[in-house]
Amino acid sequence: KMADKTKSEKKNVEFTNQKKSLKFRISELEEKHKNELVTWREEREKTNSQLFDLQEKLKLAQGVVCEVEDLRSRVSGLEQERTEKELRVDVLMNEKKDVVDECVKKYNLKKW
């Protein structure tokens, strides 16, 4: 019986040691998990902040694109207006050329 008791005590001590070892390992893993969770949260906050910054930059860029398109449209309108005015000037110059040529002939003037 004494040998059985010693065997049983030995097993109990072994079991207790394993239990302590497992508890320690569990607490290590919990600590590691907690640290990883903190790291993950910090990275998520940083990523969210970067995302917000990028969204703000995108809004600004979209505003710039709209302004550029508006300016292009205005430039196109002004170019068309300029072309129309140039055509009118050409027409007027041609009309006046006849008048100028007529006056030069009629009054014997020198053309400039």
PDB file of N, CA and C in Angstrom:
ATOM      1  N   LYS A   1       0.823  -1.204   0.000  1.00  0.00           N
ATOM      2  CA  LYS A   1       0.000   0.000   0.000  1.00  0.00           C
ATOM      3  C   LYS A   1       0.856   1.253   0.000  1.00  0.00           C
ATOM      4  N   MET A   2       1.951   1.229   0.669  1.00  0.00           N
ATOM      5  CA  MET A   2       2.831   2.395   0.756  1.00  0.00           C
ATOM      6  C   MET A   2       3.376   2.762  -0.628  1.00  0.00           C
ATOM      7  N   ALA A   3       3.698   1.749  -1.411  1.00  0.00           N
ATOM      8  CA  ALA A   3       4.222   1.972  -2.751  1.00  0.00           C
ATOM      9  C   ALA A   3       3.134   2.587  -3.625  1.00  0.00           C
ATOM     10  N   ASP A   4       1.900   2.096  -3.445  1.00  0.00           N
ATOM     11  CA  ASP A   4       0.783   2.667  -4.193  1.00  0.00           C
ATOM     12  C   ASP A   4       0.559   4.117  -3.823  1.00  0.00           C
ATOM     13  N   LYS A   5       0.667   4.398  -2.507  1.00  0.00           N
ATOM     14  CA  LYS A   5       0.472   5.770  -2.029  1.00  0.00           C
ATOM     15  C   LYS A   5       1.552   6.681  -2.607  1.00  0.00           C
ATOM     16  N   THR A   6       2.781   6.224  -2.606  1.00  0.00           N
ATOM     17  CA  THR A   6       3.890   7.009  -3.151  1.00  0.00           C
ATOM     18  C   THR A   6       3.689   7.222  -4.640  1.00  0.00           C
ATOM     19  N   LYS A   7       3.260   6.165  -5.326  1.00  0.00           N
ATOM     20  CA  LYS A   7       2.984   6.283  -6.751  1.00  0.00           C
ATOM     21  C   LYS A   7       1.896   7.306  -7.001  1.00  0.00           C
ATOM     22  N   SER A   8       0.847   7.233  -6.203  1.00  0.00           N
ATOM     23  CA  SER A   8      -0.278   8.150  -6.333  1.00  0.00           C
ATOM     24  C   SER A   8       0.160   9.587  -6.041  1.00  0.00           C
ATOM     25  N   GLU A   9       0.950   9.778  -4.989  1.00  0.00           N
ATOM     26  CA  GLU A   9       1.453  11.121  -4.663  1.00  0.00           C
ATOM     27  C   GLU A   9       2.337  11.645  -5.793  1.00  0.00           C
ATOM     28  N   LYS A  10       3.178  10.750  -6.330  1.00  0.00           N
ATOM     29  CA  LYS A  10       4.044  11.134  -7.434  1.00  0.00           C
ATOM     30  C   LYS A  10       3.207  11.603  -8.636  1.00  0.00           C
ATOM     31  N   LYS A  11       2.137  10.824  -8.928  1.00  0.00           N
ATOM     32  CA  LYS A  11       1.258  11.185 -10.029  1.00  0.00           C
ATOM     33  C   LYS A  11       0.565  12.512  -9.753  1.00  0.00           C
ATOM     34  N   ASN A  12       0.119  12.716  -8.493  1.00  0.00           N
ATOM     35  CA  ASN A  12      -0.522  13.982  -8.114  1.00  0.00           C
ATOM     36  C   ASN A  12       0.442  15.150  -8.294  1.00  0.00           C
ATOM     37  N   VAL A  13       1.671  14.978  -7.872  1.00  0.00           N
ATOM     38  CA  VAL A  13       2.687  16.034  -8.010  1.00  0.00           C
ATOM     39  C   VAL A  13       2.927  16.304  -9.496  1.00  0.00           C
ATOM     40  N   GLU A  14       3.041  15.240 -10.271  1.00  0.00           N
ATOM     41  CA  GLU A  14       3.246  15.361 -11.705  1.00  0.00           C
ATOM     42  C   GLU A  14       2.071  16.119 -12.348  1.00  0.00           C
ATOM     43  N   PHE A  15       0.878  15.699 -11.965  1.00  0.00           N
ATOM     44  CA  PHE A  15      -0.337  16.332 -12.482  1.00  0.00           C
ATOM     45  C   PHE A  15      -0.381  17.811 -12.095  1.00  0.00           C
ATOM     46  N   THR A  16      -0.058  18.100 -10.831  1.00  0.00           N
ATOM     47  CA  THR A  16      -0.044  19.493 -10.353  1.00  0.00           C
ATOM     48  C   THR A  16       0.992  20.304 -11.133  1.00  0.00           C
ATOM     49  N   ASN A  17       2.154  19.723 -11.361  1.00  0.00           N
ATOM     50  CA  ASN A  17       3.193  20.423 -12.131  1.00  0.00           C
ATOM     51  C   ASN A  17       2.734  20.681 -13.573  1.00  0.00           C
ATOM     52  N   GLN A  18       2.100  19.673 -14.173  1.00  0.00           N
ATOM     53  CA  GLN A  18       1.582  19.847 -15.534  1.00  0.00           C
ATOM     54  C   GLN A  18       0.511  20.938 -15.552  1.00  0.00           C
ATOM     55  N   LYS A  19      -0.330  20.907 -14.527  1.00  0.00           N
ATOM     56  CA  LYS A  19      -1.405  21.906 -14.432  1.00  0.00           C
ATOM     57  C   LYS A  19      -0.808  23.314 -14.332  1.00  0.00           C
ATOM     58  N   LYS A  20       0.205  23.460 -13.445  1.00  0.00           N
ATOM     59  CA  LYS A  20       0.875  24.758 -13.294  1.00  0.00           C
ATOM     60  C   LYS A  20       1.520  25.177 -14.617  1.00  0.00           C
ATOM     61  N   SER A  21       2.155  24.233 -15.284  1.00  0.00           N
ATOM     62  CA  SER A  21       2.821  24.518 -16.556  1.00  0.00           C
ATOM     63  C   SER A  21       1.791  24.962 -17.600  1.00  0.00           C
ATOM     64  N   LEU A  22       0.656  24.258 -17.650  1.00  0.00           N
ATOM     65  CA  LEU A  22      -0.393  24.626 -18.607  1.00  0.00           C
ATOM     66  C   LEU A  22      -0.992  25.984 -18.279  1.00  0.00           C
ATOM     67  N   LYS A  23      -1.218  26.241 -16.991  1.00  0.00           N
ATOM     68  CA  LYS A  23      -1.753  27.553 -16.597  1.00  0.00           C
ATOM     69  C   LYS A  23      -0.789  28.656 -17.005  1.00  0.00           C
ATOM     70  N   PHE A  24       0.514  28.409 -16.784  1.00  0.00           N
ATOM     71  CA  PHE A  24       1.509  29.391 -17.159  1.00  0.00           C
ATOM     72  C   PHE A  24       1.498  29.600 -18.673  1.00  0.00           C
ATOM     73  N   ARG A  25       1.441  28.492 -19.411  1.00  0.00           N
ATOM     74  CA  ARG A  25       1.425  28.584 -20.886  1.00  0.00           C
ATOM     75  C   ARG A  25       0.176  29.328 -21.356  1.00  0.00           C
ATOM     76  N   ILE A  26      -0.966  29.045 -20.734  1.00  0.00           N
ATOM     77  CA  ILE A  26      -2.208  29.738 -21.080  1.00  0.00           C
ATOM     78  C   ILE A  26      -2.066  31.227 -20.819  1.00  0.00           C
ATOM     79  N   SER A  27      -1.503  31.602 -19.675  1.00  0.00           N
ATOM     80  CA  SER A  27      -1.343  33.032 -19.380  1.00  0.00           C
ATOM     81  C   SER A  27      -0.369  33.681 -20.352  1.00  0.00           C
ATOM     82  N   GLU A  28       0.684  32.935 -20.759  1.00  0.00           N
ATOM     83  CA  GLU A  28       1.602  33.465 -21.783  1.00  0.00           C
ATOM     84  C   GLU A  28       0.862  33.728 -23.088  1.00  0.00           C
ATOM     85  N   LEU A  29       0.057  32.733 -23.508  1.00  0.00           N
ATOM     86  CA  LEU A  29      -0.698  32.868 -24.759  1.00  0.00           C
ATOM     87  C   LEU A  29      -1.720  34.003 -24.666  1.00  0.00           C
ATOM     88  N   GLU A  30      -2.374  34.125 -23.518  1.00  0.00           N
ATOM     89  CA  GLU A  30      -3.336  35.225 -23.342  1.00  0.00           C
ATOM     90  C   GLU A  30      -2.640  36.567 -23.444  1.00  0.00           C
ATOM     91  N   GLU A  31      -1.465  36.684 -22.830  1.00  0.00           N
ATOM     92  CA  GLU A  31      -0.691  37.927 -22.882  1.00  0.00           C
ATOM     93  C   GLU A  31      -0.268  38.230 -24.325  1.00  0.00           C
ATOM     94  N   LYS A  32       0.200  37.187 -25.025  1.00  0.00           N
ATOM     95  CA  LYS A  32       0.604  37.352 -26.419  1.00  0.00           C
ATOM     96  C   LYS A  32      -0.597  37.794 -27.252  1.00  0.00           C
ATOM     97  N   HIS A  33      -1.724  37.141 -27.036  1.00  0.00           N
ATOM     98  CA  HIS A  33      -2.945  37.478 -27.778  1.00  0.00           C
ATOM     99  C   HIS A  33      -3.370  38.919 -27.478  1.00  0.00           C
ATOM    100  N   LYS A  34      -3.305  39.284 -26.190  1.00  0.00           N
ATOM    101  CA  LYS A  34      -3.667  40.650 -25.798  1.00  0.00           C
ATOM    102  C   LYS A  34      -2.754  41.664 -26.493  1.00  0.00           C
ATOM    103  N   ASN A  35      -1.461  41.376 -26.510  1.00  0.00           N
ATOM    104  CA  ASN A  35      -0.504  42.281 -27.168  1.00  0.00           C
ATOM    105  C   ASN A  35      -0.760  42.358 -28.671  1.00  0.00           C
ATOM    106  N   GLU A  36      -1.054  41.204 -29.282  1.00  0.00           N
ATOM    107  CA  GLU A  36      -1.355  41.205 -30.717  1.00  0.00           C
ATOM    108  C   GLU A  36      -2.627  41.987 -30.992  1.00  0.00           C
ATOM    109  N   LEU A  37      -3.598  41.860 -30.100  1.00  0.00           N
ATOM    110  CA  LEU A  37      -4.855  42.582 -30.267  1.00  0.00           C
ATOM    111  C   LEU A  37      -4.616  44.088 -30.175  1.00  0.00           C
ATOM    112  N   VAL A  38      -3.791  44.493 -29.216  1.00  0.00           N
ATOM    113  CA  VAL A  38      -3.451  45.923 -29.076  1.00  0.00           C
ATOM    114  C   VAL A  38      -2.746  46.405 -30.339  1.00  0.00           C
ATOM    115  N   THR A  39      -1.786  45.616 -30.818  1.00  0.00           N
ATOM    116  CA  THR A  39      -1.060  45.978 -32.037  1.00  0.00           C
ATOM    117  C   THR A  39      -2.023  46.083 -33.213  1.00  0.00           C
ATOM    118  N   TRP A  40      -2.916  45.099 -33.330  1.00  0.00           N
ATOM    119  CA  TRP A  40      -3.884  45.102 -34.421  1.00  0.00           C
ATOM    120  C   TRP A  40      -4.770  46.342 -34.350  1.00  0.00           C
ATOM    121  N   ARG A  41      -5.227  46.690 -33.143  1.00  0.00           N
ATOM    122  CA  ARG A  41      -6.072  47.885 -32.988  1.00  0.00           C
ATOM    123  C   ARG A  41      -5.316  49.149 -33.376  1.00  0.00           C
ATOM    124  N   GLU A  42      -4.052  49.236 -32.959  1.00  0.00           N
ATOM    125  CA  GLU A  42      -3.242  50.403 -33.325  1.00  0.00           C
ATOM    126  C   GLU A  42      -3.070  50.493 -34.837  1.00  0.00           C
ATOM    127  N   GLU A  43      -2.799  49.340 -35.468  1.00  0.00           N
ATOM    128  CA  GLU A  43      -2.638  49.327 -36.927  1.00  0.00           C
ATOM    129  C   GLU A  43      -3.957  49.686 -37.613  1.00  0.00           C
ATOM    130  N   ARG A  44      -5.072  49.204 -37.061  1.00  0.00           N
ATOM    131  CA  ARG A  44      -6.380  49.521 -37.636  1.00  0.00           C
ATOM    132  C   ARG A  44      -6.650  51.022 -37.526  1.00  0.00           C
ATOM    133  N   GLU A  45      -6.322  51.609 -36.366  1.00  0.00           N
ATOM    134  CA  GLU A  45      -6.513  53.058 -36.202  1.00  0.00           C
ATOM    135  C   GLU A  45      -5.656  53.830 -37.202  1.00  0.00           C
ATOM    136  N   LYS A  46      -4.405  53.389 -37.361  1.00  0.00           N
ATOM    137  CA  LYS A  46      -3.508  54.060 -38.301  1.00  0.00           C
ATOM    138  C   LYS A  46      -4.053  53.927 -39.725  1.00  0.00           C
ATOM    139  N   THR A  47      -4.515  52.727 -40.067  1.00  0.00           N
ATOM    140  CA  THR A  47      -5.079  52.490 -41.402  1.00  0.00           C
ATOM    141  C   THR A  47      -6.329  53.336 -41.616  1.00  0.00           C
ATOM    142  N   ASN A  48      -7.193  53.393 -40.602  1.00  0.00           N
ATOM    143  CA  ASN A  48      -8.403  54.223 -40.711  1.00  0.00           C
ATOM    144  C   ASN A  48      -8.047  55.694 -40.894  1.00  0.00           C
ATOM    145  N   SER A  49      -7.031  56.133 -40.171  1.00  0.00           N
ATOM    146  CA  SER A  49      -6.582  57.520 -40.291  1.00  0.00           C
ATOM    147  C   SER A  49      -6.048  57.784 -41.701  1.00  0.00           C
ATOM    148  N   GLN A  50      -5.241  56.843 -42.208  1.00  0.00           N
ATOM    149  CA  GLN A  50      -4.713  56.987 -43.567  1.00  0.00           C
ATOM    150  C   GLN A  50      -5.847  56.984 -44.586  1.00  0.00           C
ATOM    151  N   LEU A  51      -6.838  56.115 -44.350  1.00  0.00           N
ATOM    152  CA  LEU A  51      -7.989  56.049 -45.255  1.00  0.00           C
ATOM    153  C   LEU A  51      -8.739  57.375 -45.253  1.00  0.00           C
ATOM    154  N   PHE A  52      -8.947  57.946 -44.081  1.00  0.00           N
ATOM    155  CA  PHE A  52      -9.624  59.241 -43.970  1.00  0.00           C
ATOM    156  C   PHE A  52      -8.841  60.312 -44.725  1.00  0.00           C
ATOM    157  N   ASP A  53      -7.512  60.334 -44.513  1.00  0.00           N
ATOM    158  CA  ASP A  53      -6.665  61.307 -45.221  1.00  0.00           C
ATOM    159  C   ASP A  53      -6.775  61.137 -46.734  1.00  0.00           C
ATOM    160  N   LEU A  54      -6.754  59.880 -47.176  1.00  0.00           N
ATOM    161  CA  LEU A  54      -6.859  59.623 -48.617  1.00  0.00           C
ATOM    162  C   LEU A  54      -8.225  60.045 -49.158  1.00  0.00           C
ATOM    163  N   GLN A  55      -9.281  59.818 -48.359  1.00  0.00           N
ATOM    164  CA  GLN A  55     -10.616  60.238 -48.796  1.00  0.00           C
ATOM    165  C   GLN A  55     -10.682  61.755 -48.917  1.00  0.00           C
ATOM    166  N   GLU A  56     -10.062  62.461 -47.984  1.00  0.00           N
ATOM    167  CA  GLU A  56     -10.021  63.925 -48.050  1.00  0.00           C
ATOM    168  C   GLU A  56      -9.253  64.385 -49.286  1.00  0.00           C
ATOM    169  N   LYS A  57      -8.114  63.731 -49.539  1.00  0.00           N
ATOM    170  CA  LYS A  57      -7.316  64.083 -50.727  1.00  0.00           C
ATOM    171  C   LYS A  57      -8.101  63.790 -51.996  1.00  0.00           C
ATOM    172  N   LEU A  58      -8.855  62.685 -51.985  1.00  0.00           N
ATOM    173  CA  LEU A  58      -9.671  62.337 -53.146  1.00  0.00           C
ATOM    174  C   LEU A  58     -10.733  63.398 -53.392  1.00  0.00           C
ATOM    175  N   LYS A  59     -11.369  63.868 -52.305  1.00  0.00           N
ATOM    176  CA  LYS A  59     -12.373  64.939 -52.451  1.00  0.00           C
ATOM    177  C   LYS A  59     -11.738  66.176 -53.064  1.00  0.00           C
ATOM    178  N   LEU A  60     -10.555  66.532 -52.559  1.00  0.00           N
ATOM    179  CA  LEU A  60      -9.857  67.701 -53.108  1.00  0.00           C
ATOM    180  C   LEU A  60      -9.525  67.483 -54.578  1.00  0.00           C
ATOM    181  N   ALA A  61      -9.019  66.286 -54.892  1.00  0.00           N
ATOM    182  CA  ALA A  61      -8.656  65.984 -56.280  1.00  0.00           C
ATOM    183  C   ALA A  61      -9.888  66.041 -57.183  1.00  0.00           C
ATOM    184  N   GLN A  62     -11.008  65.509 -56.693  1.00  0.00           N
ATOM    185  CA  GLN A  62     -12.236  65.550 -57.493  1.00  0.00           C
ATOM    186  C   GLN A  62     -12.677  66.997 -57.712  1.00  0.00           C
ATOM    187  N   GLY A  63     -12.510  67.826 -56.684  1.00  0.00           N
ATOM    188  CA  GLY A  63     -12.828  69.253 -56.829  1.00  0.00           C
ATOM    189  C   GLY A  63     -11.941  69.902 -57.878  1.00  0.00           C
ATOM    190  N   VAL A  64     -10.663  69.549 -57.853  1.00  0.00           N
ATOM    191  CA  VAL A  64      -9.720  70.101 -58.834  1.00  0.00           C
ATOM    192  C   VAL A  64     -10.102  69.636 -60.241  1.00  0.00           C
ATOM    193  N   VAL A  65     -10.455  68.363 -60.349  1.00  0.00           N
ATOM    194  CA  VAL A  65     -10.857  67.828 -61.657  1.00  0.00           C
ATOM    195  C   VAL A  65     -12.071  68.598 -62.174  1.00  0.00           C
ATOM    196  N   CYS A  66     -13.038  68.851 -61.288  1.00  0.00           N
ATOM    197  CA  CYS A  66     -14.231  69.613 -61.698  1.00  0.00           C
ATOM    198  C   CYS A  66     -13.838  71.019 -62.154  1.00  0.00           C
ATOM    199  N   GLU A  67     -12.946  71.659 -61.386  1.00  0.00           N
ATOM    200  CA  GLU A  67     -12.492  72.998 -61.765  1.00  0.00           C
ATOM    201  C   GLU A  67     -11.792  72.976 -63.120  1.00  0.00           C
ATOM    202  N   VAL A  68     -10.937  71.961 -63.323  1.00  0.00           N
ATOM    203  CA  VAL A  68     -10.208  71.848 -64.589  1.00  0.00           C
ATOM    204  C   VAL A  68     -11.189  71.651 -65.739  1.00  0.00           C
ATOM    205  N   GLU A  69     -12.185  70.781 -65.536  1.00  0.00           N
ATOM    206  CA  GLU A  69     -13.177  70.560 -66.594  1.00  0.00           C
ATOM    207  C   GLU A  69     -13.955  71.843 -66.874  1.00  0.00           C
ATOM    208  N   ASP A  70     -14.290  72.579 -65.819  1.00  0.00           N
ATOM    209  CA  ASP A  70     -14.994  73.855 -65.997  1.00  0.00           C
ATOM    210  C   ASP A  70     -14.121  74.833 -66.779  1.00  0.00           C
ATOM    211  N   LEU A  71     -12.841  74.904 -66.399  1.00  0.00           N
ATOM    212  CA  LEU A  71     -11.922  75.802 -67.103  1.00  0.00           C
ATOM    213  C   LEU A  71     -11.739  75.383 -68.556  1.00  0.00           C
ATOM    214  N   ARG A  72     -11.650  74.087 -68.796  1.00  0.00           N
ATOM    215  CA  ARG A  72     -11.529  73.602 -70.178  1.00  0.00           C
ATOM    216  C   ARG A  72     -12.738  74.015 -71.002  1.00  0.00           C
ATOM    217  N   SER A  73     -13.899  73.882 -70.378  1.00  0.00           N
ATOM    218  CA  SER A  73     -15.133  74.252 -71.065  1.00  0.00           C
ATOM    219  C   SER A  73     -15.130  75.748 -71.370  1.00  0.00           C
ATOM    220  N   ARG A  74     -14.713  76.547 -70.371  1.00  0.00           N
ATOM    221  CA  ARG A  74     -14.661  77.997 -70.582  1.00  0.00           C
ATOM    222  C   ARG A  74     -13.645  78.355 -71.657  1.00  0.00           C
ATOM    223  N   VAL A  75     -12.483  77.704 -71.629  1.00  0.00           N
ATOM    224  CA  VAL A  75     -11.451  77.961 -72.641  1.00  0.00           C
ATOM    225  C   VAL A  75     -11.979  77.593 -74.015  1.00  0.00           C
ATOM    226  N   SER A  76     -12.656  76.452 -74.101  1.00  0.00           N
ATOM    227  CA  SER A  76     -13.229  76.027 -75.380  1.00  0.00           C
ATOM    228  C   SER A  76     -14.225  77.070 -75.890  1.00  0.00           C
ATOM    229  N   GLY A  77     -15.071  77.575 -74.984  1.00  0.00           N
ATOM    230  CA  GLY A  77     -16.029  78.611 -75.360  1.00  0.00           C
ATOM    231  C   GLY A  77     -15.330  79.877 -75.832  1.00  0.00           C
ATOM    232  N   LEU A  78     -14.270  80.269 -75.100  1.00  0.00           N
ATOM    233  CA  LEU A  78     -13.521  81.473 -75.493  1.00  0.00           C
ATOM    234  C   LEU A  78     -12.809  81.274 -76.829  1.00  0.00           C
ATOM    235  N   GLU A  79     -12.278  80.058 -77.046  1.00  0.00           N
ATOM    236  CA  GLU A  79     -11.617  79.791 -78.330  1.00  0.00           C
ATOM    237  C   GLU A  79     -12.622  79.871 -79.471  1.00  0.00           C
ATOM    238  N   GLN A  80     -13.805  79.338 -79.236  1.00  0.00           N
ATOM    239  CA  GLN A  80     -14.845  79.394 -80.268  1.00  0.00           C
ATOM    240  C   GLN A  80     -15.239  80.846 -80.534  1.00  0.00           C
ATOM    241  N   GLU A  81     -15.381  81.615 -79.448  1.00  0.00           N
ATOM    242  CA  GLU A  81     -15.722  83.033 -79.580  1.00  0.00           C
ATOM    243  C   GLU A  81     -14.632  83.771 -80.355  1.00  0.00           C
ATOM    244  N   ARG A  82     -13.359  83.472 -80.018  1.00  0.00           N
ATOM    245  CA  ARG A  82     -12.241  84.112 -80.722  1.00  0.00           C
ATOM    246  C   ARG A  82     -12.266  83.766 -82.210  1.00  0.00           C
ATOM    247  N   THR A  83     -12.515  82.486 -82.511  1.00  0.00           N
ATOM    248  CA  THR A  83     -12.574  82.065 -83.916  1.00  0.00           C
ATOM    249  C   THR A  83     -13.678  82.812 -84.653  1.00  0.00           C
ATOM    250  N   GLU A  84     -14.842  82.915 -84.002  1.00  0.00           N
ATOM    251  CA  GLU A  84     -15.959  83.646 -84.624  1.00  0.00           C
ATOM    252  C   GLU A  84     -15.582  85.104 -84.866  1.00  0.00           C
ATOM    253  N   LYS A  85     -14.917  85.726 -83.877  1.00  0.00           N
ATOM    254  CA  LYS A  85     -14.515  87.131 -84.032  1.00  0.00           C
ATOM    255  C   LYS A  85     -13.480  87.280 -85.133  1.00  0.00           C
ATOM    256  N   GLU A  86     -12.543  86.335 -85.207  1.00  0.00           N
ATOM    257  CA  GLU A  86     -11.545  86.392 -86.272  1.00  0.00           C
ATOM    258  C   GLU A  86     -12.204  86.290 -87.642  1.00  0.00           C
ATOM    259  N   LEU A  87     -13.201  85.420 -87.736  1.00  0.00           N
ATOM    260  CA  LEU A  87     -13.918  85.289 -89.006  1.00  0.00           C
ATOM    261  C   LEU A  87     -14.640  86.589 -89.359  1.00  0.00           C
ATOM    262  N   ARG A  88     -15.266  87.203 -88.319  1.00  0.00           N
ATOM    263  CA  ARG A  88     -15.956  88.479 -88.560  1.00  0.00           C
ATOM    264  C   ARG A  88     -14.966  89.548 -89.002  1.00  0.00           C
ATOM    265  N   VAL A  89     -13.799  89.575 -88.362  1.00  0.00           N
ATOM    266  CA  VAL A  89     -12.763  90.539 -88.736  1.00  0.00           C
ATOM    267  C   VAL A  89     -12.340  90.305 -90.190  1.00  0.00           C
ATOM    268  N   ASP A  90     -12.127  89.030 -90.551  1.00  0.00           N
ATOM    269  CA  ASP A  90     -11.751  88.719 -91.947  1.00  0.00           C
ATOM    270  C   ASP A  90     -12.826  89.208 -92.918  1.00  0.00           C
ATOM    271  N   VAL A  91     -14.083  88.938 -92.559  1.00  0.00           N
ATOM    272  CA  VAL A  91     -15.187  89.377 -93.428  1.00  0.00           C
ATOM    273  C   VAL A  91     -15.184  90.894 -93.541  1.00  0.00           C
ATOM    274  N   LEU A  92     -15.068  91.583 -92.397  1.00  0.00           N
ATOM    275  CA  LEU A  92     -15.053  93.052 -92.404  1.00  0.00           C
ATOM    276  C   LEU A  92     -13.857  93.587 -93.188  1.00  0.00           C
ATOM    277  N   MET A  93     -12.708  92.952 -93.004  1.00  0.00           N
ATOM    278  CA  MET A  93     -11.508  93.404 -93.730  1.00  0.00           C
ATOM    279  C   MET A  93     -11.717  93.245 -95.235  1.00  0.00           C
ATOM    280  N   ASN A  94     -12.332  92.132 -95.624  1.00  0.00           N
ATOM    281  CA  ASN A  94     -12.603  91.923 -97.050  1.00  0.00           C
ATOM    282  C   ASN A  94     -13.591  92.967 -97.556  1.00  0.00           C
ATOM    283  N   GLU A  95     -14.632  93.241 -96.730  1.00  0.00           N
ATOM    284  CA  GLU A  95     -15.607  94.265 -97.148  1.00  0.00           C
ATOM    285  C   GLU A  95     -14.914  95.621 -97.242  1.00  0.00           C
ATOM    286  N   LYS A  96     -14.139  95.981 -96.274  1.00  0.00           N
ATOM    287  CA  LYS A  96     -13.472  97.279 -96.241  1.00  0.00           C
ATOM    288  C   LYS A  96     -12.362  97.361 -97.283  1.00  0.00           C
ATOM    289  N   LYS A  97     -11.776  96.216 -97.623  1.00  0.00           N
ATOM    290  CA  LYS A  97     -10.706  96.199 -98.620  1.00  0.00           C
ATOM    291  C   LYS A  97     -11.241  96.773 -99.943  1.00  0.00           C
ATOM    292  N   ASP A  98     -12.427  96.355-100.268  1.00  0.00           N
ATOM    293  CA  ASP A  98     -13.039  96.877-101.495  1.00  0.00           C
ATOM    294  C   ASP A  98     -13.198  98.393-101.402  1.00  0.00           C
ATOM    295  N   VAL A  99     -13.652  98.856-100.223  1.00  0.00           N
ATOM    296  CA  VAL A  99     -13.845 100.298-100.016  1.00  0.00           C
ATOM    297  C   VAL A  99     -12.504 101.012-100.088  1.00  0.00           C
ATOM    298  N   VAL A 100     -11.494 100.437 -99.419  1.00  0.00           N
ATOM    299  CA  VAL A 100     -10.158 101.054 -99.418  1.00  0.00           C
ATOM    300  C   VAL A 100      -9.603 101.078-100.836  1.00  0.00           C
ATOM    301  N   ASP A 101      -9.699  99.960-101.519  1.00  0.00           N
ATOM    302  CA  ASP A 101      -9.195  99.911-102.911  1.00  0.00           C
ATOM    303  C   ASP A 101      -9.915 100.937-103.788  1.00  0.00           C
ATOM    304  N   GLU A 102     -11.210 101.067-103.588  1.00  0.00           N
ATOM    305  CA  GLU A 102     -12.005 102.027-104.359  1.00  0.00           C
ATOM    306  C   GLU A 102     -11.551 103.454-104.090  1.00  0.00           C
ATOM    307  N   CYS A 103     -11.325 103.759-102.806  1.00  0.00           N
ATOM    308  CA  CYS A 103     -10.874 105.114-102.434  1.00  0.00           C
ATOM    309  C   CYS A 103      -9.480 105.391-103.003  1.00  0.00           C
ATOM    310  N   VAL A 104      -8.621 104.412-102.929  1.00  0.00           N
ATOM    311  CA  VAL A 104      -7.256 104.580-103.437  1.00  0.00           C
ATOM    312  C   VAL A 104      -7.318 104.899-104.928  1.00  0.00           C
ATOM    313  N   LYS A 105      -8.138 104.155-105.631  1.00  0.00           N
ATOM    314  CA  LYS A 105      -8.282 104.381-107.073  1.00  0.00           C
ATOM    315  C   LYS A 105      -8.909 105.748-107.351  1.00  0.00           C
ATOM    316  N   LYS A 106     -10.025 106.000-106.686  1.00  0.00           N
ATOM    317  CA  LYS A 106     -10.811 107.203-106.949  1.00  0.00           C
ATOM    318  C   LYS A 106     -10.017 108.465-106.675  1.00  0.00           C
ATOM    319  N   TYR A 107      -9.273 108.484-105.577  1.00  0.00           N
ATOM    320  CA  TYR A 107      -8.547 109.719-105.188  1.00  0.00           C
ATOM    321  C   TYR A 107      -7.071 109.628-105.483  1.00  0.00           C
ATOM    322  N   ASN A 108      -6.667 108.604-106.165  1.00  0.00           N
ATOM    323  CA  ASN A 108      -5.266 108.441-106.544  1.00  0.00           C
ATOM    324  C   ASN A 108      -4.340 108.488-105.331  1.00  0.00           C
ATOM    325  N   LEU A 109      -4.712 107.679-104.283  1.00  0.00           N
ATOM    326  CA  LEU A 109      -3.935 107.648-103.040  1.00  0.00           C
ATOM    327  C   LEU A 109      -2.935 106.493-103.051  1.00  0.00           C
ATOM    328  N   LYS A 110      -1.936 106.650-102.184  1.00  0.00           N
ATOM    329  CA  LYS A 110      -0.981 105.546-102.058  1.00  0.00           C
ATOM    330  C   LYS A 110      -1.508 104.611-100.964  1.00  0.00           C
ATOM    331  N   LYS A 111      -1.419 103.338-101.240  1.00  0.00           N
ATOM    332  CA  LYS A 111      -1.835 102.335-100.259  1.00  0.00           C
ATOM    333  C   LYS A 111      -0.741 102.157 -99.207  1.00  0.00           C
ATOM    334  N   TRP A 112      -1.141 101.965 -97.967  1.00  0.00           N
ATOM    335  CA  TRP A 112      -0.098 101.801 -96.943  1.00  0.00           C
ATOM    336  C   TRP A 112       0.392 100.387 -96.859  1.00  0.00           C
TER     337      TRP A 112
END
